[in-house]
Amino acid sequence: LSVRPNIIEAGRGMGLTQNQLLWRVKIPIALPVI
């Protein structure tokens, strides 16, 4: 499963670190698949 790059870019634009991106963006998006 891959998160769309524009979503990652938006998170980075808001100042999220890689760790924050993982827990606040990537995992919540992946939960329905898991």
N, C-alpha and C. Protein backbone atom coordinates (compact mmCIF):
# COMPACT_ATOMS: atom_id res chain seq x y z
N LEU A 1 0.85 -1.19 0.00
CA LEU A 1 0.00 0.00 0.00
C LEU A 1 0.89 1.24 0.00
N SER A 2 0.52 2.19 -0.82
CA SER A 2 1.32 3.41 -0.89
C SER A 2 0.43 4.62 -0.67
N VAL A 3 0.95 5.55 0.09
CA VAL A 3 0.23 6.79 0.35
C VAL A 3 0.57 7.76 -0.78
N ARG A 4 -0.44 8.45 -1.27
CA ARG A 4 -0.21 9.37 -2.39
C ARG A 4 0.82 10.44 -2.00
N PRO A 5 1.74 10.72 -2.91
CA PRO A 5 2.82 11.68 -2.61
C PRO A 5 2.31 13.07 -2.22
N ASN A 6 1.17 13.50 -2.77
CA ASN A 6 0.69 14.83 -2.41
C ASN A 6 0.24 14.89 -0.95
N ILE A 7 -0.19 13.78 -0.39
CA ILE A 7 -0.58 13.76 1.03
C ILE A 7 0.67 13.88 1.90
N ILE A 8 1.73 13.15 1.53
CA ILE A 8 3.00 13.23 2.26
C ILE A 8 3.56 14.65 2.18
N GLU A 9 3.50 15.22 0.99
CA GLU A 9 4.02 16.58 0.79
C GLU A 9 3.24 17.59 1.64
N ALA A 10 1.94 17.41 1.74
CA ALA A 10 1.13 18.31 2.57
C ALA A 10 1.55 18.20 4.04
N GLY A 11 1.80 16.99 4.50
CA GLY A 11 2.25 16.80 5.88
C GLY A 11 3.60 17.45 6.13
N ARG A 12 4.50 17.30 5.17
CA ARG A 12 5.82 17.94 5.32
C ARG A 12 5.67 19.45 5.33
N GLY A 13 4.76 19.95 4.50
CA GLY A 13 4.53 21.39 4.45
C GLY A 13 4.01 21.94 5.77
N MET A 14 3.34 21.09 6.54
CA MET A 14 2.83 21.51 7.85
C MET A 14 3.89 21.33 8.93
N GLY A 15 5.08 20.84 8.54
CA GLY A 15 6.18 20.73 9.48
C GLY A 15 6.25 19.41 10.23
N LEU A 16 5.59 18.37 9.72
CA LEU A 16 5.64 17.07 10.40
C LEU A 16 6.99 16.40 10.15
N THR A 17 7.50 15.73 11.17
CA THR A 17 8.73 14.94 11.01
C THR A 17 8.36 13.60 10.38
N GLN A 18 9.38 12.82 10.01
CA GLN A 18 9.12 11.50 9.42
C GLN A 18 8.32 10.63 10.38
N ASN A 19 8.66 10.69 11.66
CA ASN A 19 7.95 9.89 12.67
C ASN A 19 6.49 10.33 12.78
N GLN A 20 6.27 11.63 12.79
CA GLN A 20 4.90 12.14 12.87
C GLN A 20 4.12 11.77 11.62
N LEU A 21 4.76 11.83 10.46
CA LEU A 21 4.09 11.42 9.22
C LEU A 21 3.65 9.97 9.31
N LEU A 22 4.51 9.12 9.85
CA LEU A 22 4.17 7.71 9.97
C LEU A 22 2.94 7.52 10.84
N TRP A 23 2.93 8.10 12.04
CA TRP A 23 1.85 7.86 12.99
C TRP A 23 0.59 8.66 12.72
N ARG A 24 0.72 9.85 12.15
CA ARG A 24 -0.46 10.71 11.96
C ARG A 24 -1.05 10.64 10.56
N VAL A 25 -0.26 10.13 9.59
CA VAL A 25 -0.75 10.11 8.21
C VAL A 25 -0.76 8.69 7.64
N LYS A 26 0.40 8.05 7.60
CA LYS A 26 0.51 6.76 6.91
C LYS A 26 -0.27 5.64 7.59
N ILE A 27 -0.11 5.49 8.89
CA ILE A 27 -0.81 4.40 9.59
C ILE A 27 -2.32 4.59 9.57
N PRO A 28 -2.85 5.79 9.86
CA PRO A 28 -4.31 5.94 9.78
C PRO A 28 -4.88 5.63 8.39
N ILE A 29 -4.14 5.97 7.34
CA ILE A 29 -4.62 5.67 5.99
C ILE A 29 -4.57 4.16 5.73
N ALA A 30 -3.57 3.48 6.29
CA ALA A 30 -3.40 2.05 6.05
C ALA A 30 -4.31 1.18 6.92
N LEU A 31 -4.85 1.71 8.00
CA LEU A 31 -5.64 0.89 8.94
C LEU A 31 -6.78 0.10 8.30
N PRO A 32 -7.56 0.67 7.39
CA PRO A 32 -8.63 -0.14 6.80
C PRO A 32 -8.13 -1.38 6.06
N VAL A 33 -6.92 -1.30 5.51
CA VAL A 33 -6.35 -2.42 4.78
C VAL A 33 -5.80 -3.46 5.74
N ILE A 34 -5.24 -2.99 6.86
CA ILE A 34 -4.66 -3.89 7.85
C ILE A 34 -5.79 -4.61 8.54
